[in-house]
mmCIF file of all heavy atoms, coordinates in Angstrom:
data_MODEL
# 
_entry.id   MODEL 
# 
loop_
_atom_site.group_PDB 
_atom_site.id 
_atom_site.type_symbol 
_atom_site.label_atom_id 
_atom_site.label_alt_id 
_atom_site.label_comp_id 
_atom_site.label_asym_id 
_atom_site.label_entity_id 
_atom_site.label_seq_id 
_atom_site.pdbx_PDB_ins_code 
_atom_site.Cartn_x 
_atom_site.Cartn_y 
_atom_site.Cartn_z 
_atom_site.occupancy 
_atom_site.B_iso_or_equiv 
_atom_site.pdbx_formal_charge 
_atom_site.auth_seq_id 
_atom_site.auth_comp_id 
_atom_site.auth_asym_id 
_atom_site.auth_atom_id 
_atom_site.pdbx_PDB_model_num 
ATOM 1   N N   . ALA A 1 1  ? 138.607 -20.393 -17.569 1.00 0.00 ? 1  ALA A N   1 
ATOM 2   C CA  . ALA A 1 1  ? 139.006 -21.703 -18.145 1.00 0.00 ? 1  ALA A CA  1 
ATOM 3   C C   . ALA A 1 1  ? 137.906 -22.588 -18.394 1.00 0.00 ? 1  ALA A C   1 
ATOM 4   O O   . ALA A 1 1  ? 138.074 -23.700 -19.205 1.00 0.00 ? 1  ALA A O   1 
ATOM 5   C CB  . ALA A 1 1  ? 140.130 -22.344 -17.318 1.00 0.00 ? 1  ALA A CB  1 
ATOM 6   N N   . LEU A 1 2  ? 136.720 -22.410 -17.706 1.00 0.00 ? 2  LEU A N   1 
ATOM 7   C CA  . LEU A 1 2  ? 135.499 -23.389 -17.886 1.00 0.00 ? 2  LEU A CA  1 
ATOM 8   C C   . LEU A 1 2  ? 134.959 -23.007 -19.258 1.00 0.00 ? 2  LEU A C   1 
ATOM 9   O O   . LEU A 1 2  ? 134.988 -21.894 -19.851 1.00 0.00 ? 2  LEU A O   1 
ATOM 10  C CB  . LEU A 1 2  ? 134.685 -23.085 -16.788 1.00 0.00 ? 2  LEU A CB  1 
ATOM 11  C CG  . LEU A 1 2  ? 134.950 -23.269 -15.441 1.00 0.00 ? 2  LEU A CG  1 
ATOM 12  C CD1 . LEU A 1 2  ? 133.924 -22.878 -14.351 1.00 0.00 ? 2  LEU A CD1 1 
ATOM 13  C CD2 . LEU A 1 2  ? 135.369 -24.710 -15.138 1.00 0.00 ? 2  LEU A CD2 1 
ATOM 14  N N   . THR A 1 3  ? 134.213 -23.933 -19.772 1.00 0.00 ? 3  THR A N   1 
ATOM 15  C CA  . THR A 1 3  ? 133.468 -23.861 -21.023 1.00 0.00 ? 3  THR A CA  1 
ATOM 16  C C   . THR A 1 3  ? 132.276 -22.794 -20.768 1.00 0.00 ? 3  THR A C   1 
ATOM 17  O O   . THR A 1 3  ? 131.804 -22.581 -19.664 1.00 0.00 ? 3  THR A O   1 
ATOM 18  C CB  . THR A 1 3  ? 132.890 -25.006 -21.536 1.00 0.00 ? 3  THR A CB  1 
ATOM 19  O OG1 . THR A 1 3  ? 131.937 -25.562 -20.651 1.00 0.00 ? 3  THR A OG1 1 
ATOM 20  C CG2 . THR A 1 3  ? 134.045 -25.906 -21.873 1.00 0.00 ? 3  THR A CG2 1 
ATOM 21  N N   . ALA A 1 4  ? 131.829 -22.160 -21.794 1.00 0.00 ? 4  ALA A N   1 
ATOM 22  C CA  . ALA A 1 4  ? 130.740 -21.273 -21.644 1.00 0.00 ? 4  ALA A CA  1 
ATOM 23  C C   . ALA A 1 4  ? 129.409 -21.984 -21.211 1.00 0.00 ? 4  ALA A C   1 
ATOM 24  O O   . ALA A 1 4  ? 128.643 -21.543 -20.394 1.00 0.00 ? 4  ALA A O   1 
ATOM 25  C CB  . ALA A 1 4  ? 130.466 -20.537 -22.993 1.00 0.00 ? 4  ALA A CB  1 
ATOM 26  N N   . ARG A 1 5  ? 129.363 -23.272 -21.618 1.00 0.00 ? 5  ARG A N   1 
ATOM 27  C CA  . ARG A 1 5  ? 128.240 -24.099 -21.215 1.00 0.00 ? 5  ARG A CA  1 
ATOM 28  C C   . ARG A 1 5  ? 128.291 -24.355 -19.653 1.00 0.00 ? 5  ARG A C   1 
ATOM 29  O O   . ARG A 1 5  ? 127.263 -24.371 -18.954 1.00 0.00 ? 5  ARG A O   1 
ATOM 30  C CB  . ARG A 1 5  ? 128.155 -25.404 -21.839 1.00 0.00 ? 5  ARG A CB  1 
ATOM 31  C CG  . ARG A 1 5  ? 126.986 -26.245 -21.766 1.00 0.00 ? 5  ARG A CG  1 
ATOM 32  C CD  . ARG A 1 5  ? 126.896 -27.313 -22.805 1.00 0.00 ? 5  ARG A CD  1 
ATOM 33  N NE  . ARG A 1 5  ? 126.831 -26.847 -24.136 1.00 0.00 ? 5  ARG A NE  1 
ATOM 34  C CZ  . ARG A 1 5  ? 125.895 -26.389 -24.732 1.00 0.00 ? 5  ARG A CZ  1 
ATOM 35  N NH1 . ARG A 1 5  ? 124.687 -26.259 -24.186 1.00 0.00 ? 5  ARG A NH1 1 
ATOM 36  N NH2 . ARG A 1 5  ? 125.894 -25.924 -26.045 1.00 0.00 ? 5  ARG A NH2 1 
ATOM 37  N N   . GLU A 1 6  ? 129.494 -24.601 -19.242 1.00 0.00 ? 6  GLU A N   1 
ATOM 38  C CA  . GLU A 1 6  ? 129.699 -24.861 -17.805 1.00 0.00 ? 6  GLU A CA  1 
ATOM 39  C C   . GLU A 1 6  ? 129.372 -23.595 -16.935 1.00 0.00 ? 6  GLU A C   1 
ATOM 40  O O   . GLU A 1 6  ? 128.691 -23.637 -15.887 1.00 0.00 ? 6  GLU A O   1 
ATOM 41  C CB  . GLU A 1 6  ? 131.074 -25.426 -17.385 1.00 0.00 ? 6  GLU A CB  1 
ATOM 42  C CG  . GLU A 1 6  ? 131.390 -25.622 -15.892 1.00 0.00 ? 6  GLU A CG  1 
ATOM 43  C CD  . GLU A 1 6  ? 130.420 -26.686 -15.246 1.00 0.00 ? 6  GLU A CD  1 
ATOM 44  O OE1 . GLU A 1 6  ? 129.830 -27.396 -15.986 1.00 0.00 ? 6  GLU A OE1 1 
ATOM 45  O OE2 . GLU A 1 6  ? 130.253 -26.583 -14.030 1.00 0.00 ? 6  GLU A OE2 1 
ATOM 46  N N   . ARG A 1 7  ? 129.908 -22.419 -17.440 1.00 0.00 ? 7  ARG A N   1 
ATOM 47  C CA  . ARG A 1 7  ? 129.563 -21.163 -16.676 1.00 0.00 ? 7  ARG A CA  1 
ATOM 48  C C   . ARG A 1 7  ? 128.106 -20.894 -16.716 1.00 0.00 ? 7  ARG A C   1 
ATOM 49  O O   . ARG A 1 7  ? 127.561 -20.492 -15.685 1.00 0.00 ? 7  ARG A O   1 
ATOM 50  C CB  . ARG A 1 7  ? 130.373 -20.003 -17.416 1.00 0.00 ? 7  ARG A CB  1 
ATOM 51  C CG  . ARG A 1 7  ? 131.824 -20.056 -17.234 1.00 0.00 ? 7  ARG A CG  1 
ATOM 52  C CD  . ARG A 1 7  ? 132.538 -18.766 -17.460 1.00 0.00 ? 7  ARG A CD  1 
ATOM 53  N NE  . ARG A 1 7  ? 132.349 -18.349 -18.885 1.00 0.00 ? 7  ARG A NE  1 
ATOM 54  C CZ  . ARG A 1 7  ? 133.143 -18.649 -19.923 1.00 0.00 ? 7  ARG A CZ  1 
ATOM 55  N NH1 . ARG A 1 7  ? 134.336 -19.382 -19.672 1.00 0.00 ? 7  ARG A NH1 1 
ATOM 56  N NH2 . ARG A 1 7  ? 133.030 -18.141 -21.125 1.00 0.00 ? 7  ARG A NH2 1 
ATOM 57  N N   . SER A 1 8  ? 127.438 -21.239 -17.788 1.00 0.00 ? 8  SER A N   1 
ATOM 58  C CA  . SER A 1 8  ? 125.932 -21.024 -17.816 1.00 0.00 ? 8  SER A CA  1 
ATOM 59  C C   . SER A 1 8  ? 125.268 -21.818 -16.794 1.00 0.00 ? 8  SER A C   1 
ATOM 60  O O   . SER A 1 8  ? 124.353 -21.433 -16.201 1.00 0.00 ? 8  SER A O   1 
ATOM 61  C CB  . SER A 1 8  ? 125.465 -21.276 -19.221 1.00 0.00 ? 8  SER A CB  1 
ATOM 62  O OG  . SER A 1 8  ? 125.867 -20.465 -20.162 1.00 0.00 ? 8  SER A OG  1 
ATOM 63  N N   . ARG A 1 9  ? 125.770 -23.157 -16.735 1.00 0.00 ? 9  ARG A N   1 
ATOM 64  C CA  . ARG A 1 9  ? 125.028 -23.965 -15.720 1.00 0.00 ? 9  ARG A CA  1 
ATOM 65  C C   . ARG A 1 9  ? 125.244 -23.530 -14.406 1.00 0.00 ? 9  ARG A C   1 
ATOM 66  O O   . ARG A 1 9  ? 124.316 -23.632 -13.545 1.00 0.00 ? 9  ARG A O   1 
ATOM 67  C CB  . ARG A 1 9  ? 125.749 -25.488 -15.760 1.00 0.00 ? 9  ARG A CB  1 
ATOM 68  C CG  . ARG A 1 9  ? 125.131 -26.483 -14.863 1.00 0.00 ? 9  ARG A CG  1 
ATOM 69  C CD  . ARG A 1 9  ? 125.792 -27.789 -14.918 1.00 0.00 ? 9  ARG A CD  1 
ATOM 70  N NE  . ARG A 1 9  ? 127.142 -27.636 -14.140 1.00 0.00 ? 9  ARG A NE  1 
ATOM 71  C CZ  . ARG A 1 9  ? 127.313 -27.621 -12.909 1.00 0.00 ? 9  ARG A CZ  1 
ATOM 72  N NH1 . ARG A 1 9  ? 126.150 -27.771 -12.120 1.00 0.00 ? 9  ARG A NH1 1 
ATOM 73  N NH2 . ARG A 1 9  ? 128.421 -27.583 -12.389 1.00 0.00 ? 9  ARG A NH2 1 
ATOM 74  N N   . ARG A 1 10 ? 126.298 -22.777 -14.040 1.00 0.00 ? 10 ARG A N   1 
ATOM 75  C CA  . ARG A 1 10 ? 126.551 -22.338 -12.566 1.00 0.00 ? 10 ARG A CA  1 
ATOM 76  C C   . ARG A 1 10 ? 125.862 -21.008 -12.404 1.00 0.00 ? 10 ARG A C   1 
ATOM 77  O O   . ARG A 1 10 ? 125.673 -20.598 -11.226 1.00 0.00 ? 10 ARG A O   1 
ATOM 78  C CB  . ARG A 1 10 ? 128.117 -22.246 -12.415 1.00 0.00 ? 10 ARG A CB  1 
ATOM 79  C CG  . ARG A 1 10 ? 128.854 -23.631 -12.494 1.00 0.00 ? 10 ARG A CG  1 
ATOM 80  C CD  . ARG A 1 10 ? 130.121 -23.397 -12.011 1.00 0.00 ? 10 ARG A CD  1 
ATOM 81  N NE  . ARG A 1 10 ? 131.043 -24.527 -12.313 1.00 0.00 ? 10 ARG A NE  1 
ATOM 82  C CZ  . ARG A 1 10 ? 132.045 -24.816 -11.722 1.00 0.00 ? 10 ARG A CZ  1 
ATOM 83  N NH1 . ARG A 1 10 ? 132.755 -23.960 -10.912 1.00 0.00 ? 10 ARG A NH1 1 
ATOM 84  N NH2 . ARG A 1 10 ? 132.897 -25.981 -12.087 1.00 0.00 ? 10 ARG A NH2 1 
ATOM 85  N N   . ILE A 1 11 ? 125.610 -20.228 -13.402 1.00 0.00 ? 11 ILE A N   1 
ATOM 86  C CA  . ILE A 1 11 ? 124.993 -18.872 -13.167 1.00 0.00 ? 11 ILE A CA  1 
ATOM 87  C C   . ILE A 1 11 ? 123.467 -19.029 -13.224 1.00 0.00 ? 11 ILE A C   1 
ATOM 88  O O   . ILE A 1 11 ? 122.794 -18.350 -12.457 1.00 0.00 ? 11 ILE A O   1 
ATOM 89  C CB  . ILE A 1 11 ? 125.396 -17.966 -14.235 1.00 0.00 ? 11 ILE A CB  1 
ATOM 90  C CG1 . ILE A 1 11 ? 126.865 -17.598 -14.227 1.00 0.00 ? 11 ILE A CG1 1 
ATOM 91  C CG2 . ILE A 1 11 ? 124.645 -16.761 -14.348 1.00 0.00 ? 11 ILE A CG2 1 
ATOM 92  C CD1 . ILE A 1 11 ? 127.321 -16.960 -12.935 1.00 0.00 ? 11 ILE A CD1 1 
ATOM 93  N N   . ARG A 1 12 ? 122.919 -20.083 -13.934 1.00 0.00 ? 12 ARG A N   1 
ATOM 94  C CA  . ARG A 1 12 ? 121.460 -20.035 -14.145 1.00 0.00 ? 12 ARG A CA  1 
ATOM 95  C C   . ARG A 1 12 ? 120.722 -20.211 -12.726 1.00 0.00 ? 12 ARG A C   1 
ATOM 96  O O   . ARG A 1 12 ? 119.543 -19.533 -12.579 1.00 0.00 ? 12 ARG A O   1 
ATOM 97  C CB  . ARG A 1 12 ? 121.122 -21.348 -14.971 1.00 0.00 ? 12 ARG A CB  1 
ATOM 98  C CG  . ARG A 1 12 ? 119.709 -21.381 -15.323 1.00 0.00 ? 12 ARG A CG  1 
ATOM 99  C CD  . ARG A 1 12 ? 119.416 -22.510 -16.412 1.00 0.00 ? 12 ARG A CD  1 
ATOM 100 N NE  . ARG A 1 12 ? 120.034 -22.196 -17.662 1.00 0.00 ? 12 ARG A NE  1 
ATOM 101 C CZ  . ARG A 1 12 ? 120.981 -23.016 -18.180 1.00 0.00 ? 12 ARG A CZ  1 
ATOM 102 N NH1 . ARG A 1 12 ? 121.567 -23.955 -17.368 1.00 0.00 ? 12 ARG A NH1 1 
ATOM 103 N NH2 . ARG A 1 12 ? 121.532 -22.662 -19.353 1.00 0.00 ? 12 ARG A NH2 1 
ATOM 104 N N   . PRO A 1 13 ? 121.175 -20.866 -11.606 1.00 0.00 ? 13 PRO A N   1 
ATOM 105 C CA  . PRO A 1 13 ? 120.448 -20.781 -10.382 1.00 0.00 ? 13 PRO A CA  1 
ATOM 106 C C   . PRO A 1 13 ? 120.181 -19.482 -9.756  1.00 0.00 ? 13 PRO A C   1 
ATOM 107 O O   . PRO A 1 13 ? 119.277 -19.405 -8.882  1.00 0.00 ? 13 PRO A O   1 
ATOM 108 C CB  . PRO A 1 13 ? 121.365 -21.746 -9.438  1.00 0.00 ? 13 PRO A CB  1 
ATOM 109 C CG  . PRO A 1 13 ? 122.146 -22.530 -10.437 1.00 0.00 ? 13 PRO A CG  1 
ATOM 110 C CD  . PRO A 1 13 ? 122.433 -21.739 -11.569 1.00 0.00 ? 13 PRO A CD  1 
ATOM 111 N N   . LEU A 1 14 ? 120.863 -18.513 -10.259 1.00 0.00 ? 14 LEU A N   1 
ATOM 112 C CA  . LEU A 1 14 ? 120.546 -17.064 -9.670  1.00 0.00 ? 14 LEU A CA  1 
ATOM 113 C C   . LEU A 1 14 ? 119.107 -16.704 -9.894  1.00 0.00 ? 14 LEU A C   1 
ATOM 114 O O   . LEU A 1 14 ? 118.573 -15.986 -9.166  1.00 0.00 ? 14 LEU A O   1 
ATOM 115 C CB  . LEU A 1 14 ? 121.571 -16.157 -10.215 1.00 0.00 ? 14 LEU A CB  1 
ATOM 116 C CG  . LEU A 1 14 ? 121.463 -14.746 -9.522  1.00 0.00 ? 14 LEU A CG  1 
ATOM 117 C CD1 . LEU A 1 14 ? 121.790 -14.847 -8.065  1.00 0.00 ? 14 LEU A CD1 1 
ATOM 118 C CD2 . LEU A 1 14 ? 122.494 -13.838 -10.233 1.00 0.00 ? 14 LEU A CD2 1 
ATOM 119 N N   . SER A 1 15 ? 118.545 -17.143 -11.023 1.00 0.00 ? 15 SER A N   1 
ATOM 120 C CA  . SER A 1 15 ? 117.236 -16.740 -11.469 1.00 0.00 ? 15 SER A CA  1 
ATOM 121 C C   . SER A 1 15 ? 116.190 -17.498 -10.532 1.00 0.00 ? 15 SER A C   1 
ATOM 122 O O   . SER A 1 15 ? 115.105 -16.909 -10.043 1.00 0.00 ? 15 SER A O   1 
ATOM 123 C CB  . SER A 1 15 ? 116.832 -17.118 -12.892 1.00 0.00 ? 15 SER A CB  1 
ATOM 124 O OG  . SER A 1 15 ? 116.890 -18.522 -13.112 1.00 0.00 ? 15 SER A OG  1 
ATOM 125 N N   . ALA A 1 16 ? 116.480 -18.574 -10.037 1.00 0.00 ? 16 ALA A N   1 
ATOM 126 C CA  . ALA A 1 16 ? 115.677 -19.363 -9.101  1.00 0.00 ? 16 ALA A CA  1 
ATOM 127 C C   . ALA A 1 16 ? 115.709 -18.812 -7.767  1.00 0.00 ? 16 ALA A C   1 
ATOM 128 O O   . ALA A 1 16 ? 114.780 -18.650 -6.996  1.00 0.00 ? 16 ALA A O   1 
ATOM 129 C CB  . ALA A 1 16 ? 116.064 -20.885 -9.008  1.00 0.00 ? 16 ALA A CB  1 
ATOM 130 N N   . TRP A 1 17 ? 116.931 -18.244 -7.412  1.00 0.00 ? 17 TRP A N   1 
ATOM 131 C CA  . TRP A 1 17 ? 117.177 -17.476 -6.035  1.00 0.00 ? 17 TRP A CA  1 
ATOM 132 C C   . TRP A 1 17 ? 116.266 -16.280 -6.132  1.00 0.00 ? 17 TRP A C   1 
ATOM 133 O O   . TRP A 1 17 ? 115.643 -15.979 -5.119  1.00 0.00 ? 17 TRP A O   1 
ATOM 134 C CB  . TRP A 1 17 ? 118.575 -17.130 -6.007  1.00 0.00 ? 17 TRP A CB  1 
ATOM 135 C CG  . TRP A 1 17 ? 118.922 -16.284 -4.686  1.00 0.00 ? 17 TRP A CG  1 
ATOM 136 C CD1 . TRP A 1 17 ? 118.988 -16.803 -3.373  1.00 0.00 ? 17 TRP A CD1 1 
ATOM 137 C CD2 . TRP A 1 17 ? 118.962 -14.861 -4.681  1.00 0.00 ? 17 TRP A CD2 1 
ATOM 138 N NE1 . TRP A 1 17 ? 119.140 -15.758 -2.642  1.00 0.00 ? 17 TRP A NE1 1 
ATOM 139 C CE2 . TRP A 1 17 ? 119.186 -14.550 -3.299  1.00 0.00 ? 17 TRP A CE2 1 
ATOM 140 C CE3 . TRP A 1 17 ? 118.964 -13.854 -5.651  1.00 0.00 ? 17 TRP A CE3 1 
ATOM 141 C CZ2 . TRP A 1 17 ? 119.319 -13.271 -2.923  1.00 0.00 ? 17 TRP A CZ2 1 
ATOM 142 C CZ3 . TRP A 1 17 ? 119.116 -12.491 -5.270  1.00 0.00 ? 17 TRP A CZ3 1 
ATOM 143 C CH2 . TRP A 1 17 ? 119.276 -12.271 -3.820  1.00 0.00 ? 17 TRP A CH2 1 
ATOM 144 N N   . LEU A 1 18 ? 116.131 -15.620 -7.222  1.00 0.00 ? 18 LEU A N   1 
ATOM 145 C CA  . LEU A 1 18 ? 115.377 -14.407 -7.320  1.00 0.00 ? 18 LEU A CA  1 
ATOM 146 C C   . LEU A 1 18 ? 113.920 -14.726 -7.186  1.00 0.00 ? 18 LEU A C   1 
ATOM 147 O O   . LEU A 1 18 ? 113.111 -14.020 -6.479  1.00 0.00 ? 18 LEU A O   1 
ATOM 148 C CB  . LEU A 1 18 ? 115.461 -13.683 -8.677  1.00 0.00 ? 18 LEU A CB  1 
ATOM 149 C CG  . LEU A 1 18 ? 116.840 -13.002 -8.925  1.00 0.00 ? 18 LEU A CG  1 
ATOM 150 C CD1 . LEU A 1 18 ? 116.939 -12.620 -10.441 1.00 0.00 ? 18 LEU A CD1 1 
ATOM 151 C CD2 . LEU A 1 18 ? 116.889 -11.764 -8.033  1.00 0.00 ? 18 LEU A CD2 1 
ATOM 152 N N   . ALA A 1 19 ? 113.463 -15.809 -7.774  1.00 0.00 ? 19 ALA A N   1 
ATOM 153 C CA  . ALA A 1 19 ? 112.068 -16.176 -7.437  1.00 0.00 ? 19 ALA A CA  1 
ATOM 154 C C   . ALA A 1 19 ? 111.790 -16.692 -6.020  1.00 0.00 ? 19 ALA A C   1 
ATOM 155 O O   . ALA A 1 19 ? 110.677 -16.258 -5.481  1.00 0.00 ? 19 ALA A O   1 
ATOM 156 C CB  . ALA A 1 19 ? 111.822 -17.477 -8.551  1.00 0.00 ? 19 ALA A CB  1 
ATOM 157 N N   . ARG A 1 20 ? 112.790 -17.343 -5.500  1.00 0.00 ? 20 ARG A N   1 
ATOM 158 C CA  . ARG A 1 20 ? 112.457 -17.625 -4.050  1.00 0.00 ? 20 ARG A CA  1 
ATOM 159 C C   . ARG A 1 20 ? 112.479 -16.463 -3.158  1.00 0.00 ? 20 ARG A C   1 
ATOM 160 O O   . ARG A 1 20 ? 111.681 -16.485 -2.236  1.00 0.00 ? 20 ARG A O   1 
ATOM 161 C CB  . ARG A 1 20 ? 113.598 -18.699 -3.672  1.00 0.00 ? 20 ARG A CB  1 
ATOM 162 C CG  . ARG A 1 20 ? 113.369 -19.294 -2.333  1.00 0.00 ? 20 ARG A CG  1 
ATOM 163 C CD  . ARG A 1 20 ? 114.504 -20.331 -2.019  1.00 0.00 ? 20 ARG A CD  1 
ATOM 164 N NE  . ARG A 1 20 ? 115.805 -19.698 -1.836  1.00 0.00 ? 20 ARG A NE  1 
ATOM 165 C CZ  . ARG A 1 20 ? 116.875 -19.894 -2.487  1.00 0.00 ? 20 ARG A CZ  1 
ATOM 166 N NH1 . ARG A 1 20 ? 116.730 -20.580 -3.632  1.00 0.00 ? 20 ARG A NH1 1 
ATOM 167 N NH2 . ARG A 1 20 ? 117.952 -19.443 -2.260  1.00 0.00 ? 20 ARG A NH2 1 
ATOM 168 N N   . GLU A 1 21 ? 113.338 -15.459 -3.398  1.00 0.00 ? 21 GLU A N   1 
ATOM 169 C CA  . GLU A 1 21 ? 113.527 -14.359 -2.444  1.00 0.00 ? 21 GLU A CA  1 
ATOM 170 C C   . GLU A 1 21 ? 112.675 -13.023 -2.920  1.00 0.00 ? 21 GLU A C   1 
ATOM 171 O O   . GLU A 1 21 ? 113.004 -12.066 -2.278  1.00 0.00 ? 21 GLU A O   1 
ATOM 172 C CB  . GLU A 1 21 ? 114.961 -14.030 -2.373  1.00 0.00 ? 21 GLU A CB  1 
ATOM 173 C CG  . GLU A 1 21 ? 115.836 -15.234 -1.841  1.00 0.00 ? 21 GLU A CG  1 
ATOM 174 C CD  . GLU A 1 21 ? 115.563 -15.284 -0.269  1.00 0.00 ? 21 GLU A CD  1 
ATOM 175 O OE1 . GLU A 1 21 ? 115.246 -14.268 0.399   1.00 0.00 ? 21 GLU A OE1 1 
ATOM 176 O OE2 . GLU A 1 21 ? 115.549 -16.423 0.243   1.00 0.00 ? 21 GLU A OE2 1 
ATOM 177 N N   . GLN A 1 22 ? 111.856 -13.239 -3.855  1.00 0.00 ? 22 GLN A N   1 
ATOM 178 C CA  . GLN A 1 22 ? 111.314 -12.031 -4.513  1.00 0.00 ? 22 GLN A CA  1 
ATOM 179 C C   . GLN A 1 22 ? 110.546 -11.153 -3.544  1.00 0.00 ? 22 GLN A C   1 
ATOM 180 O O   . GLN A 1 22 ? 110.610 -9.941  -3.684  1.00 0.00 ? 22 GLN A O   1 
ATOM 181 C CB  . GLN A 1 22 ? 110.325 -12.445 -5.680  1.00 0.00 ? 22 GLN A CB  1 
ATOM 182 C CG  . GLN A 1 22 ? 109.206 -13.265 -5.359  1.00 0.00 ? 22 GLN A CG  1 
ATOM 183 C CD  . GLN A 1 22 ? 108.332 -13.490 -6.556  1.00 0.00 ? 22 GLN A CD  1 
ATOM 184 O OE1 . GLN A 1 22 ? 107.763 -12.549 -7.126  1.00 0.00 ? 22 GLN A OE1 1 
ATOM 185 N NE2 . GLN A 1 22 ? 108.223 -14.819 -6.933  1.00 0.00 ? 22 GLN A NE2 1 
ATOM 186 N N   . GLU A 1 23 ? 109.791 -11.739 -2.597  1.00 0.00 ? 23 GLU A N   1 
ATOM 187 C CA  . GLU A 1 23 ? 109.090 -10.951 -1.602  1.00 0.00 ? 23 GLU A CA  1 
ATOM 188 C C   . GLU A 1 23 ? 110.078 -10.102 -0.726  1.00 0.00 ? 23 GLU A C   1 
ATOM 189 O O   . GLU A 1 23 ? 109.913 -8.852  -0.466  1.00 0.00 ? 23 GLU A O   1 
ATOM 190 C CB  . GLU A 1 23 ? 108.245 -11.737 -0.763  1.00 0.00 ? 23 GLU A CB  1 
ATOM 191 C CG  . GLU A 1 23 ? 106.961 -12.280 -1.607  1.00 0.00 ? 23 GLU A CG  1 
ATOM 192 C CD  . GLU A 1 23 ? 106.115 -11.230 -2.129  1.00 0.00 ? 23 GLU A CD  1 
ATOM 193 O OE1 . GLU A 1 23 ? 105.886 -10.181 -1.604  1.00 0.00 ? 23 GLU A OE1 1 
ATOM 194 O OE2 . GLU A 1 23 ? 105.385 -11.501 -3.279  1.00 0.00 ? 23 GLU A OE2 1 
ATOM 195 N N   . ASN A 1 24 ? 110.961 -10.748 -0.190  1.00 0.00 ? 24 ASN A N   1 
ATOM 196 C CA  . ASN A 1 24 ? 112.079 -10.077 0.581   1.00 0.00 ? 24 ASN A CA  1 
ATOM 197 C C   . ASN A 1 24 ? 112.811 -8.999  -0.195  1.00 0.00 ? 24 ASN A C   1 
ATOM 198 O O   . ASN A 1 24 ? 112.961 -7.974  0.381   1.00 0.00 ? 24 ASN A O   1 
ATOM 199 C CB  . ASN A 1 24 ? 113.001 -11.115 1.196   1.00 0.00 ? 24 ASN A CB  1 
ATOM 200 C CG  . ASN A 1 24 ? 114.057 -10.455 2.133   1.00 0.00 ? 24 ASN A CG  1 
ATOM 201 O OD1 . ASN A 1 24 ? 113.654 -9.643  3.044   1.00 0.00 ? 24 ASN A OD1 1 
ATOM 202 N ND2 . ASN A 1 24 ? 115.320 -10.749 1.914   1.00 0.00 ? 24 ASN A ND2 1 
ATOM 203 N N   . LEU A 1 25 ? 113.198 -9.424  -1.427  1.00 0.00 ? 25 LEU A N   1 
ATOM 204 C CA  . LEU A 1 25 ? 113.872 -8.417  -2.249  1.00 0.00 ? 25 LEU A CA  1 
ATOM 205 C C   . LEU A 1 25 ? 113.083 -7.287  -2.540  1.00 0.00 ? 25 LEU A C   1 
ATOM 206 O O   . LEU A 1 25 ? 113.519 -6.040  -2.553  1.00 0.00 ? 25 LEU A O   1 
ATOM 207 C CB  . LEU A 1 25 ? 114.393 -9.026  -3.478  1.00 0.00 ? 25 LEU A CB  1 
ATOM 208 C CG  . LEU A 1 25 ? 115.488 -10.236 -3.384  1.00 0.00 ? 25 LEU A CG  1 
ATOM 209 C CD1 . LEU A 1 25 ? 115.774 -10.951 -4.682  1.00 0.00 ? 25 LEU A CD1 1 
ATOM 210 C CD2 . LEU A 1 25 ? 116.857 -9.548  -2.962  1.00 0.00 ? 25 LEU A CD2 1 
ATOM 211 N N   . ALA A 1 26 ? 111.872 -7.444  -2.939  1.00 0.00 ? 26 ALA A N   1 
ATOM 212 C CA  . ALA A 1 26 ? 111.000 -6.384  -3.233  1.00 0.00 ? 26 ALA A CA  1 
ATOM 213 C C   . ALA A 1 26 ? 110.831 -5.334  -2.037  1.00 0.00 ? 26 ALA A C   1 
ATOM 214 O O   . ALA A 1 26 ? 110.807 -4.133  -2.238  1.00 0.00 ? 26 ALA A O   1 
ATOM 215 C CB  . ALA A 1 26 ? 109.553 -6.828  -3.487  1.00 0.00 ? 26 ALA A CB  1 
ATOM 216 N N   . ARG A 1 27 ? 110.703 -5.895  -0.802  1.00 0.00 ? 27 ARG A N   1 
ATOM 217 C CA  . ARG A 1 27 ? 110.558 -4.962  0.451   1.00 0.00 ? 27 ARG A CA  1 
ATOM 218 C C   . ARG A 1 27 ? 111.966 -4.200  0.612   1.00 0.00 ? 27 ARG A C   1 
ATOM 219 O O   . ARG A 1 27 ? 111.851 -3.071  1.057   1.00 0.00 ? 27 ARG A O   1 
ATOM 220 C CB  . ARG A 1 27 ? 110.149 -5.790  1.572   1.00 0.00 ? 27 ARG A CB  1 
ATOM 221 C CG  . ARG A 1 27 ? 108.778 -6.414  1.460   1.00 0.00 ? 27 ARG A CG  1 
ATOM 222 C CD  . ARG A 1 27 ? 108.250 -7.017  2.710   1.00 0.00 ? 27 ARG A CD  1 
ATOM 223 N NE  . ARG A 1 27 ? 106.978 -7.562  2.521   1.00 0.00 ? 27 ARG A NE  1 
ATOM 224 C CZ  . ARG A 1 27 ? 105.828 -6.766  2.631   1.00 0.00 ? 27 ARG A CZ  1 
ATOM 225 N NH1 . ARG A 1 27 ? 105.975 -5.496  2.818   1.00 0.00 ? 27 ARG A NH1 1 
ATOM 226 N NH2 . ARG A 1 27 ? 104.645 -7.399  2.389   1.00 0.00 ? 27 ARG A NH2 1 
ATOM 227 N N   . ILE A 1 28 ? 113.087 -4.860  0.346   1.00 0.00 ? 28 ILE A N   1 
ATOM 228 C CA  . ILE A 1 28 ? 114.341 -4.161  0.530   1.00 0.00 ? 28 ILE A CA  1 
ATOM 229 C C   . ILE A 1 28 ? 114.513 -3.076  -0.531  1.00 0.00 ? 28 ILE A C   1 
ATOM 230 O O   . ILE A 1 28 ? 114.873 -1.904  0.019   1.00 0.00 ? 28 ILE A O   1 
ATOM 231 C CB  . ILE A 1 28 ? 115.552 -5.136  0.334   1.00 0.00 ? 28 ILE A CB  1 
ATOM 232 C CG1 . ILE A 1 28 ? 115.442 -6.161  1.581   1.00 0.00 ? 28 ILE A CG1 1 
ATOM 233 C CG2 . ILE A 1 28 ? 116.821 -4.408  0.404   1.00 0.00 ? 28 ILE A CG2 1 
ATOM 234 C CD1 . ILE A 1 28 ? 116.544 -7.249  1.400   1.00 0.00 ? 28 ILE A CD1 1 
# 
């Protein structure tokens, strides 16, 4: 029911999470 723009706003932070956790993720 949310607009595509609103869904985009809520999904986009996942890329920042990847940047923050990249060393740990790479080791896993």
